[in-house]
Amino acid sequence: MKRLEGKYILITGASQGLGRQLAIDYAREGAKGISITARRSGALEEVRDRIGETSPDTQVVLIVADLSRQDDIERVVATTLAEFSGRLDVLVNNASSIGPTPMPYLLDYPLEDFRSVLEVNLIAPYLLIKKSLPAMIERGGSIINVTSDAGRTGYPGWGAYGISKFGIEGMSETWAAELEESGVRINWVDPGNMNTVMHRAAEPEEDPNEWANPADVTEVFIYLASDESRAVSGKRFQAQEENWRRDDGRERDEG
């Protein structure tokens, strides 16, 4: 049996990079339905077609949306639930905005850009969780938030992006504590340096060939979406560490 057999999943930022790879890998692992959302329809259609080629039994819901808009967020959740007959087992908050590039220091950071980054990277995940919870609490479910090393260390020049990731980590920990008895688990994953469009824009002076392919970091996301992790919540994982399972409380106790 595949590890995500029968699961219904919503992935934001699914048109490229990590989100695209997660959609493909989740389908290969037997997901019953995958709702993919991003701002660009063409790229989403390519992901849908790729899933259809490799996992033709997976239902794909394609939603073009701007997650800086609350009405779009509400539409994403409502459409997903309508297509999945009210079911949602996994939510992956992957969509992210890097902000202006080259990234300015905070002293020179345009206020509107600062607000825009926080809307996409922090407010949108909060609202997506809030809107999705009623469908998840009855059956239990998994929420996975994507963070970054910039969410633990304040790097100069990483501005609103880094601040938003500090926020996503704190919010994830708070949600996990508040939902401890609900059957809904919340964890957050730092995928590490990946060769993606956003990362290349953020660090154009670096060699992207030294960074991981998104396909190399999805194992922890599959684990957290599966029933294997049903007792794991409130944990931070680093996808590129060979011993990332050390953050699984059960394995830590056994050690």
C-alpha atoms as a PDB file:
ATOM      1  CA  MET A   1       0.000   0.000   0.000  1.00  0.00           C
ATOM      2  CA  LYS A   2       1.267   3.449  -0.882  1.00  0.00           C
ATOM      3  CA  ARG A   3       1.947   5.754   2.058  1.00  0.00           C
ATOM      4  CA  LEU A   4      -0.659   8.409   1.211  1.00  0.00           C
ATOM      5  CA  GLU A   5      -3.362   6.090  -0.082  1.00  0.00           C
ATOM      6  CA  GLY A   6      -6.745   7.801   0.098  1.00  0.00           C
ATOM      7  CA  LYS A   7      -5.453  11.171   1.348  1.00  0.00           C
ATOM      8  CA  TYR A   8      -6.869  14.515   0.213  1.00  0.00           C
ATOM      9  CA  ILE A   9      -4.225  17.226   0.150  1.00  0.00           C
ATOM     10  CA  LEU A  10      -3.971  20.983  -0.428  1.00  0.00           C
ATOM     11  CA  ILE A  11      -0.603  22.460  -1.455  1.00  0.00           C
ATOM     12  CA  THR A  12       0.015  26.184  -1.893  1.00  0.00           C
ATOM     13  CA  GLY A  13       2.750  27.530  -4.136  1.00  0.00           C
ATOM     14  CA  ALA A  14       2.473  24.363  -6.231  1.00  0.00           C
ATOM     15  CA  SER A  15       3.444  25.772  -9.626  1.00  0.00           C
ATOM     16  CA  GLN A  16       7.213  25.435  -9.224  1.00  0.00           C
ATOM     17  CA  GLY A  17      10.057  24.363  -6.963  1.00  0.00           C
ATOM     18  CA  LEU A  18       9.240  22.445  -3.814  1.00  0.00           C
ATOM     19  CA  GLY A  19       5.455  22.783  -4.149  1.00  0.00           C
ATOM     20  CA  ARG A  20       5.504  21.323  -7.649  1.00  0.00           C
ATOM     21  CA  GLN A  21       7.654  18.404  -6.543  1.00  0.00           C
ATOM     22  CA  LEU A  22       5.474  17.717  -3.515  1.00  0.00           C
ATOM     23  CA  ALA A  23       2.364  17.548  -5.688  1.00  0.00           C
ATOM     24  CA  ILE A  24       4.019  15.011  -7.978  1.00  0.00           C
ATOM     25  CA  ASP A  25       5.489  12.907  -5.172  1.00  0.00           C
ATOM     26  CA  TYR A  26       2.300  12.941  -3.107  1.00  0.00           C
ATOM     27  CA  ALA A  27       0.378  11.675  -6.138  1.00  0.00           C
ATOM     28  CA  ARG A  28       2.924   8.897  -6.652  1.00  0.00           C
ATOM     29  CA  GLU A  29       2.427   7.915  -3.028  1.00  0.00           C
ATOM     30  CA  GLY A  30      -1.254   7.307  -3.669  1.00  0.00           C
ATOM     31  CA  ALA A  31      -2.995  10.561  -2.719  1.00  0.00           C
ATOM     32  CA  LYS A  32      -6.663  10.360  -3.679  1.00  0.00           C
ATOM     33  CA  GLY A  33      -6.947  14.062  -4.421  1.00  0.00           C
ATOM     34  CA  ILE A  34      -4.524  16.986  -4.599  1.00  0.00           C
ATOM     35  CA  SER A  35      -5.566  20.625  -4.743  1.00  0.00           C
ATOM     36  CA  ILE A  36      -2.811  22.807  -6.178  1.00  0.00           C
ATOM     37  CA  THR A  37      -2.810  26.576  -6.074  1.00  0.00           C
ATOM     38  CA  ALA A  38      -0.551  29.392  -7.271  1.00  0.00           C
ATOM     39  CA  ARG A  39      -0.826  32.624  -9.224  1.00  0.00           C
ATOM     40  CA  ARG A  40       0.179  31.288 -12.654  1.00  0.00           C
ATOM     41  CA  SER A  41      -2.294  29.063 -14.464  1.00  0.00           C
ATOM     42  CA  GLY A  42       0.113  27.814 -17.123  1.00  0.00           C
ATOM     43  CA  ALA A  43       2.591  26.392 -14.643  1.00  0.00           C
ATOM     44  CA  LEU A  44      -0.205  24.801 -12.604  1.00  0.00           C
ATOM     45  CA  GLU A  45      -1.578  23.164 -15.727  1.00  0.00           C
ATOM     46  CA  GLU A  46       1.848  21.650 -16.387  1.00  0.00           C
ATOM     47  CA  VAL A  47       1.889  20.187 -12.871  1.00  0.00           C
ATOM     48  CA  ARG A  48      -1.622  18.812 -13.359  1.00  0.00           C
ATOM     49  CA  ASP A  49      -0.584  17.187 -16.640  1.00  0.00           C
ATOM     50  CA  ARG A  50       2.524  15.690 -15.037  1.00  0.00           C
ATOM     51  CA  ILE A  51       0.440  14.162 -12.271  1.00  0.00           C
ATOM     52  CA  GLY A  52      -1.988  12.801 -14.862  1.00  0.00           C
ATOM     53  CA  GLU A  53       0.865  11.064 -16.682  1.00  0.00           C
ATOM     54  CA  THR A  54       2.332   9.405 -13.595  1.00  0.00           C
ATOM     55  CA  SER A  55      -0.701   8.980 -11.314  1.00  0.00           C
ATOM     56  CA  PRO A  56      -3.845   9.003 -13.455  1.00  0.00           C
ATOM     57  CA  ASP A  57      -6.092   7.937 -10.556  1.00  0.00           C
ATOM     58  CA  THR A  58      -5.305  11.069  -8.535  1.00  0.00           C
ATOM     59  CA  GLN A  59      -7.957  13.797  -8.694  1.00  0.00           C
ATOM     60  CA  VAL A  60      -6.281  17.169  -9.294  1.00  0.00           C
ATOM     61  CA  VAL A  61      -8.008  20.445  -8.431  1.00  0.00           C
ATOM     62  CA  LEU A  62      -6.330  23.479  -9.983  1.00  0.00           C
ATOM     63  CA  ILE A  63      -7.001  26.872  -8.381  1.00  0.00           C
ATOM     64  CA  VAL A  64      -5.384  30.103  -9.584  1.00  0.00           C
ATOM     65  CA  ALA A  65      -5.230  32.446  -6.603  1.00  0.00           C
ATOM     66  CA  ASP A  66      -3.329  35.318  -5.026  1.00  0.00           C
ATOM     67  CA  LEU A  67      -2.767  34.444  -1.377  1.00  0.00           C
ATOM     68  CA  SER A  68      -2.261  38.072  -0.446  1.00  0.00           C
ATOM     69  CA  ARG A  69      -6.058  38.398  -0.879  1.00  0.00           C
ATOM     70  CA  GLN A  70      -8.346  37.063   1.844  1.00  0.00           C
ATOM     71  CA  ASP A  71     -11.189  36.379  -0.578  1.00  0.00           C
ATOM     72  CA  ASP A  72      -8.855  34.246  -2.695  1.00  0.00           C
ATOM     73  CA  ILE A  73      -7.822  32.276   0.380  1.00  0.00           C
ATOM     74  CA  GLU A  74     -11.443  31.624   1.259  1.00  0.00           C
ATOM     75  CA  ARG A  75     -12.103  30.549  -2.325  1.00  0.00           C
ATOM     76  CA  VAL A  76      -9.151  28.150  -2.284  1.00  0.00           C
ATOM     77  CA  VAL A  77     -10.409  26.366   0.826  1.00  0.00           C
ATOM     78  CA  ALA A  78     -14.065  26.386  -0.225  1.00  0.00           C
ATOM     79  CA  THR A  79     -13.293  25.052  -3.708  1.00  0.00           C
ATOM     80  CA  THR A  80     -10.977  22.377  -2.351  1.00  0.00           C
ATOM     81  CA  LEU A  81     -13.543  21.122   0.144  1.00  0.00           C
ATOM     82  CA  ALA A  82     -16.325  21.193  -2.421  1.00  0.00           C
ATOM     83  CA  GLU A  83     -14.287  19.104  -4.866  1.00  0.00           C
ATOM     84  CA  PHE A  84     -13.216  16.660  -2.137  1.00  0.00           C
ATOM     85  CA  SER A  85     -16.698  16.230  -0.638  1.00  0.00           C
ATOM     86  CA  GLY A  86     -15.689  18.042   2.529  1.00  0.00           C
ATOM     87  CA  ARG A  87     -12.506  16.011   3.098  1.00  0.00           C
ATOM     88  CA  LEU A  88      -9.072  17.449   3.763  1.00  0.00           C
ATOM     89  CA  ASP A  89      -6.325  15.371   5.342  1.00  0.00           C
ATOM     90  CA  VAL A  90      -3.191  17.402   4.665  1.00  0.00           C
ATOM     91  CA  LEU A  91      -2.447  21.115   4.241  1.00  0.00           C
ATOM     92  CA  VAL A  92       1.012  22.206   3.093  1.00  0.00           C
ATOM     93  CA  ASN A  93       1.666  25.928   3.472  1.00  0.00           C
ATOM     94  CA  ASN A  94       4.478  26.230   0.965  1.00  0.00           C
ATOM     95  CA  ALA A  95       3.721  29.461  -0.944  1.00  0.00           C
ATOM     96  CA  SER A  96       6.211  32.204  -0.183  1.00  0.00           C
ATOM     97  CA  SER A  97       7.326  35.601  -1.380  1.00  0.00           C
ATOM     98  CA  ILE A  98      10.948  36.727  -1.198  1.00  0.00           C
ATOM     99  CA  GLY A  99      10.085  40.416  -1.584  1.00  0.00           C
ATOM    100  CA  PRO A 100      12.076  42.918  -3.640  1.00  0.00           C
ATOM    101  CA  THR A 101      15.382  41.792  -5.121  1.00  0.00           C
ATOM    102  CA  PRO A 102      18.115  42.638  -4.528  1.00  0.00           C
ATOM    103  CA  MET A 103      16.808  42.446  -0.975  1.00  0.00           C
ATOM    104  CA  PRO A 104      17.196  45.785   0.845  1.00  0.00           C
ATOM    105  CA  TYR A 105      18.195  46.263   4.460  1.00  0.00           C
ATOM    106  CA  LEU A 106      15.331  47.013   6.819  1.00  0.00           C
ATOM    107  CA  LEU A 107      16.176  50.713   6.969  1.00  0.00           C
ATOM    108  CA  ASP A 108      15.442  50.992   3.253  1.00  0.00           C
ATOM    109  CA  TYR A 109      12.686  48.389   3.002  1.00  0.00           C
ATOM    110  CA  PRO A 110       9.570  49.784   1.271  1.00  0.00           C
ATOM    111  CA  LEU A 111       6.603  49.508   3.624  1.00  0.00           C
ATOM    112  CA  GLU A 112       4.206  48.174   1.000  1.00  0.00           C
ATOM    113  CA  ASP A 113       6.665  45.432   0.049  1.00  0.00           C
ATOM    114  CA  PHE A 114       7.124  44.567   3.721  1.00  0.00           C
ATOM    115  CA  ARG A 115       3.376  44.230   4.163  1.00  0.00           C
ATOM    116  CA  SER A 116       3.018  42.194   0.979  1.00  0.00           C
ATOM    117  CA  VAL A 117       5.618  39.631   2.080  1.00  0.00           C
ATOM    118  CA  LEU A 118       3.960  39.204   5.475  1.00  0.00           C
ATOM    119  CA  GLU A 119       0.545  38.819   3.834  1.00  0.00           C
ATOM    120  CA  VAL A 120       1.716  35.884   1.710  1.00  0.00           C
ATOM    121  CA  ASN A 121       4.222  34.260   4.068  1.00  0.00           C
ATOM    122  CA  LEU A 122       2.481  34.619   7.431  1.00  0.00           C
ATOM    123  CA  ILE A 123      -1.101  35.904   7.244  1.00  0.00           C
ATOM    124  CA  ALA A 124      -2.075  33.515   4.429  1.00  0.00           C
ATOM    125  CA  PRO A 125      -0.884  30.371   6.288  1.00  0.00           C
ATOM    126  CA  TYR A 126      -2.731  31.556   9.400  1.00  0.00           C
ATOM    127  CA  LEU A 127      -5.969  31.997   7.460  1.00  0.00           C
ATOM    128  CA  LEU A 128      -5.559  28.760   5.521  1.00  0.00           C
ATOM    129  CA  ILE A 129      -5.132  26.831   8.761  1.00  0.00           C
ATOM    130  CA  LYS A 130      -8.081  28.600  10.363  1.00  0.00           C
ATOM    131  CA  LYS A 131     -10.367  27.958   7.378  1.00  0.00           C
ATOM    132  CA  SER A 132      -9.244  24.336   6.949  1.00  0.00           C
ATOM    133  CA  LEU A 133      -9.496  23.211  10.562  1.00  0.00           C
ATOM    134  CA  PRO A 134     -13.237  22.509  10.711  1.00  0.00           C
ATOM    135  CA  ALA A 135     -12.834  19.911   7.949  1.00  0.00           C
ATOM    136  CA  MET A 136      -9.758  18.365   9.550  1.00  0.00           C
ATOM    137  CA  ILE A 137     -10.719  18.129  13.213  1.00  0.00           C
ATOM    138  CA  GLU A 138     -13.406  15.473  12.743  1.00  0.00           C
ATOM    139  CA  ARG A 139     -11.019  12.960  11.130  1.00  0.00           C
ATOM    140  CA  GLY A 140      -7.653  14.305  12.228  1.00  0.00           C
ATOM    141  CA  GLY A 141      -5.068  15.626   9.819  1.00  0.00           C
ATOM    142  CA  SER A 142      -1.608  17.005   9.191  1.00  0.00           C
ATOM    143  CA  ILE A 143      -0.568  20.621   8.631  1.00  0.00           C
ATOM    144  CA  ILE A 144       2.959  21.215   7.365  1.00  0.00           C
ATOM    145  CA  ASN A 145       4.407  24.720   7.276  1.00  0.00           C
ATOM    146  CA  VAL A 146       7.551  25.476   5.276  1.00  0.00           C
ATOM    147  CA  THR A 147      10.154  27.502   7.112  1.00  0.00           C
ATOM    148  CA  SER A 148      13.804  28.431   6.544  1.00  0.00           C
ATOM    149  CA  ASP A 149      17.121  28.841   8.297  1.00  0.00           C
ATOM    150  CA  ALA A 150      16.281  32.553   8.038  1.00  0.00           C
ATOM    151  CA  GLY A 151      13.472  31.812  10.487  1.00  0.00           C
ATOM    152  CA  ARG A 152      16.002  31.050  13.222  1.00  0.00           C
ATOM    153  CA  THR A 153      18.817  33.493  12.437  1.00  0.00           C
ATOM    154  CA  GLY A 154      18.376  37.141  11.524  1.00  0.00           C
ATOM    155  CA  TYR A 155      20.537  37.441   8.428  1.00  0.00           C
ATOM    156  CA  PRO A 156      21.283  40.982   7.185  1.00  0.00           C
ATOM    157  CA  GLY A 157      19.398  41.752   4.008  1.00  0.00           C
ATOM    158  CA  TRP A 158      16.806  39.010   4.371  1.00  0.00           C
ATOM    159  CA  GLY A 159      14.320  41.550   5.665  1.00  0.00           C
ATOM    160  CA  ALA A 160      10.624  40.744   5.591  1.00  0.00           C
ATOM    161  CA  TYR A 161      11.207  37.198   4.338  1.00  0.00           C
ATOM    162  CA  GLY A 162      13.301  36.247   7.366  1.00  0.00           C
ATOM    163  CA  ILE A 163      10.917  37.990   9.748  1.00  0.00           C
ATOM    164  CA  SER A 164       7.976  36.144   8.214  1.00  0.00           C
ATOM    165  CA  LYS A 165       9.734  32.825   8.768  1.00  0.00           C
ATOM    166  CA  PHE A 166      10.412  33.693  12.412  1.00  0.00           C
ATOM    167  CA  GLY A 167       6.672  34.310  12.558  1.00  0.00           C
ATOM    168  CA  ILE A 168       5.703  31.031  10.872  1.00  0.00           C
ATOM    169  CA  GLU A 169       7.790  29.076  13.362  1.00  0.00           C
ATOM    170  CA  GLY A 170       6.215  30.804  16.357  1.00  0.00           C
ATOM    171  CA  MET A 171       2.747  30.484  14.886  1.00  0.00           C
ATOM    172  CA  SER A 172       3.276  26.790  14.164  1.00  0.00           C
ATOM    173  CA  GLU A 173       4.350  26.134  17.729  1.00  0.00           C
ATOM    174  CA  THR A 174       1.347  28.026  19.096  1.00  0.00           C
ATOM    175  CA  TRP A 175      -1.139  26.240  16.801  1.00  0.00           C
ATOM    176  CA  ALA A 176       0.386  22.882  17.757  1.00  0.00           C
ATOM    177  CA  ALA A 177      -0.042  23.611  21.467  1.00  0.00           C
ATOM    178  CA  GLU A 178      -3.602  24.849  21.063  1.00  0.00           C
ATOM    179  CA  LEU A 179      -4.617  21.839  18.956  1.00  0.00           C
ATOM    180  CA  GLU A 180      -2.835  19.234  21.057  1.00  0.00           C
ATOM    181  CA  GLU A 181      -6.035  17.356  21.903  1.00  0.00           C
ATOM    182  CA  SER A 182      -7.728  17.795  18.536  1.00  0.00           C
ATOM    183  CA  GLY A 183      -6.188  15.062  16.405  1.00  0.00           C
ATOM    184  CA  VAL A 184      -4.750  17.688  14.057  1.00  0.00           C
ATOM    185  CA  ARG A 185      -0.971  17.771  14.102  1.00  0.00           C
ATOM    186  CA  ILE A 186       1.181  20.718  13.019  1.00  0.00           C
ATOM    187  CA  ASN A 187       4.852  20.522  12.165  1.00  0.00           C
ATOM    188  CA  TRP A 188       7.230  22.753  10.248  1.00  0.00           C
ATOM    189  CA  VAL A 189      10.057  21.892   7.875  1.00  0.00           C
ATOM    190  CA  ASP A 190      13.182  23.734   6.790  1.00  0.00           C
ATOM    191  CA  PRO A 191      13.967  22.255   3.361  1.00  0.00           C
ATOM    192  CA  GLY A 192      17.425  23.859   3.280  1.00  0.00           C
ATOM    193  CA  ASN A 193      19.094  25.430   0.261  1.00  0.00           C
ATOM    194  CA  MET A 194      17.317  24.349  -2.909  1.00  0.00           C
ATOM    195  CA  ASN A 195      17.877  25.170  -6.547  1.00  0.00           C
ATOM    196  CA  THR A 196      14.651  27.096  -7.137  1.00  0.00           C
ATOM    197  CA  VAL A 197      13.713  30.275  -8.966  1.00  0.00           C
ATOM    198  CA  MET A 198      13.123  32.105  -5.687  1.00  0.00           C
ATOM    199  CA  HIS A 199      16.421  31.064  -4.145  1.00  0.00           C
ATOM    200  CA  ARG A 200      18.364  31.991  -7.271  1.00  0.00           C
ATOM    201  CA  ALA A 201      16.763  35.453  -7.158  1.00  0.00           C
ATOM    202  CA  ALA A 202      17.608  35.833  -3.466  1.00  0.00           C
ATOM    203  CA  GLU A 203      21.269  34.847  -3.835  1.00  0.00           C
ATOM    204  CA  PRO A 204      22.278  35.471  -7.454  1.00  0.00           C
ATOM    205  CA  GLU A 205      25.977  35.512  -6.578  1.00  0.00           C
ATOM    206  CA  GLU A 206      25.919  31.901  -5.322  1.00  0.00           C
ATOM    207  CA  ASP A 207      26.280  28.715  -7.387  1.00  0.00           C
ATOM    208  CA  PRO A 208      22.836  27.050  -7.517  1.00  0.00           C
ATOM    209  CA  ASN A 209      24.446  23.775  -8.579  1.00  0.00           C
ATOM    210  CA  GLU A 210      25.620  23.437  -4.994  1.00  0.00           C
ATOM    211  CA  TRP A 211      22.038  23.446  -3.725  1.00  0.00           C
ATOM    212  CA  ALA A 212      19.692  20.491  -3.463  1.00  0.00           C
ATOM    213  CA  ASN A 213      17.123  19.566  -6.061  1.00  0.00           C
ATOM    214  CA  PRO A 214      13.606  19.819  -4.556  1.00  0.00           C
ATOM    215  CA  ALA A 215      13.162  16.124  -5.392  1.00  0.00           C
ATOM    216  CA  ASP A 216      15.860  15.338  -2.830  1.00  0.00           C
ATOM    217  CA  VAL A 217      14.043  16.867   0.158  1.00  0.00           C
ATOM    218  CA  THR A 218      10.471  15.583  -0.084  1.00  0.00           C
ATOM    219  CA  GLU A 219      10.850  12.459   2.080  1.00  0.00           C
ATOM    220  CA  VAL A 220      10.190  14.303   5.337  1.00  0.00           C
ATOM    221  CA  PHE A 221       7.095  15.908   3.814  1.00  0.00           C
ATOM    222  CA  ILE A 222       5.768  12.494   2.742  1.00  0.00           C
ATOM    223  CA  TYR A 223       6.417  11.160   6.244  1.00  0.00           C
ATOM    224  CA  LEU A 224       4.583  14.056   7.909  1.00  0.00           C
ATOM    225  CA  ALA A 225       1.629  13.728   5.537  1.00  0.00           C
ATOM    226  CA  SER A 226       1.324  10.002   6.206  1.00  0.00           C
ATOM    227  CA  ASP A 227      -0.159   8.110   9.134  1.00  0.00           C
ATOM    228  CA  GLU A 228       3.387   7.145  10.153  1.00  0.00           C
ATOM    229  CA  SER A 229       3.628  10.535  11.878  1.00  0.00           C
ATOM    230  CA  ARG A 230       0.187  10.548  13.499  1.00  0.00           C
ATOM    231  CA  ALA A 231       1.756  10.937  16.970  1.00  0.00           C
ATOM    232  CA  VAL A 232       4.136  13.722  15.916  1.00  0.00           C
ATOM    233  CA  SER A 233       3.209  17.381  16.382  1.00  0.00           C
ATOM    234  CA  GLY A 234       4.886  20.615  17.367  1.00  0.00           C
ATOM    235  CA  LYS A 235       8.236  19.593  15.834  1.00  0.00           C
ATOM    236  CA  ARG A 236      10.717  21.346  13.562  1.00  0.00           C
ATOM    237  CA  PHE A 237      12.423  19.244  10.891  1.00  0.00           C
ATOM    238  CA  GLN A 238      15.429  19.970   8.671  1.00  0.00           C
ATOM    239  CA  ALA A 239      14.919  18.050   5.461  1.00  0.00           C
ATOM    240  CA  GLN A 240      18.539  17.838   4.362  1.00  0.00           C
ATOM    241  CA  GLU A 241      19.869  16.379   7.595  1.00  0.00           C
ATOM    242  CA  GLU A 242      20.379  12.640   7.287  1.00  0.00           C
ATOM    243  CA  ASN A 243      19.013  12.167  10.806  1.00  0.00           C
ATOM    244  CA  TRP A 244      15.982  14.429  10.401  1.00  0.00           C
ATOM    245  CA  ARG A 245      13.899  11.786  12.157  1.00  0.00           C
ATOM    246  CA  ARG A 246      15.608  12.748  15.421  1.00  0.00           C
ATOM    247  CA  ASP A 247      12.924  15.429  15.711  1.00  0.00           C
ATOM    248  CA  ASP A 248      10.279  12.704  15.871  1.00  0.00           C
ATOM    249  CA  GLY A 249       9.504  12.553  19.566  1.00  0.00           C
ATOM    250  CA  ARG A 250       8.972   8.811  19.536  1.00  0.00           C
ATOM    251  CA  GLU A 251      12.417   8.088  18.115  1.00  0.00           C
ATOM    252  CA  ARG A 252      14.072  10.535  20.497  1.00  0.00           C
ATOM    253  CA  ASP A 253      12.517   8.727  23.438  1.00  0.00           C
ATOM    254  CA  GLU A 254      13.705   5.389  22.108  1.00  0.00           C
ATOM    255  CA  GLY A 255      17.264   6.715  21.808  1.00  0.00           C
END
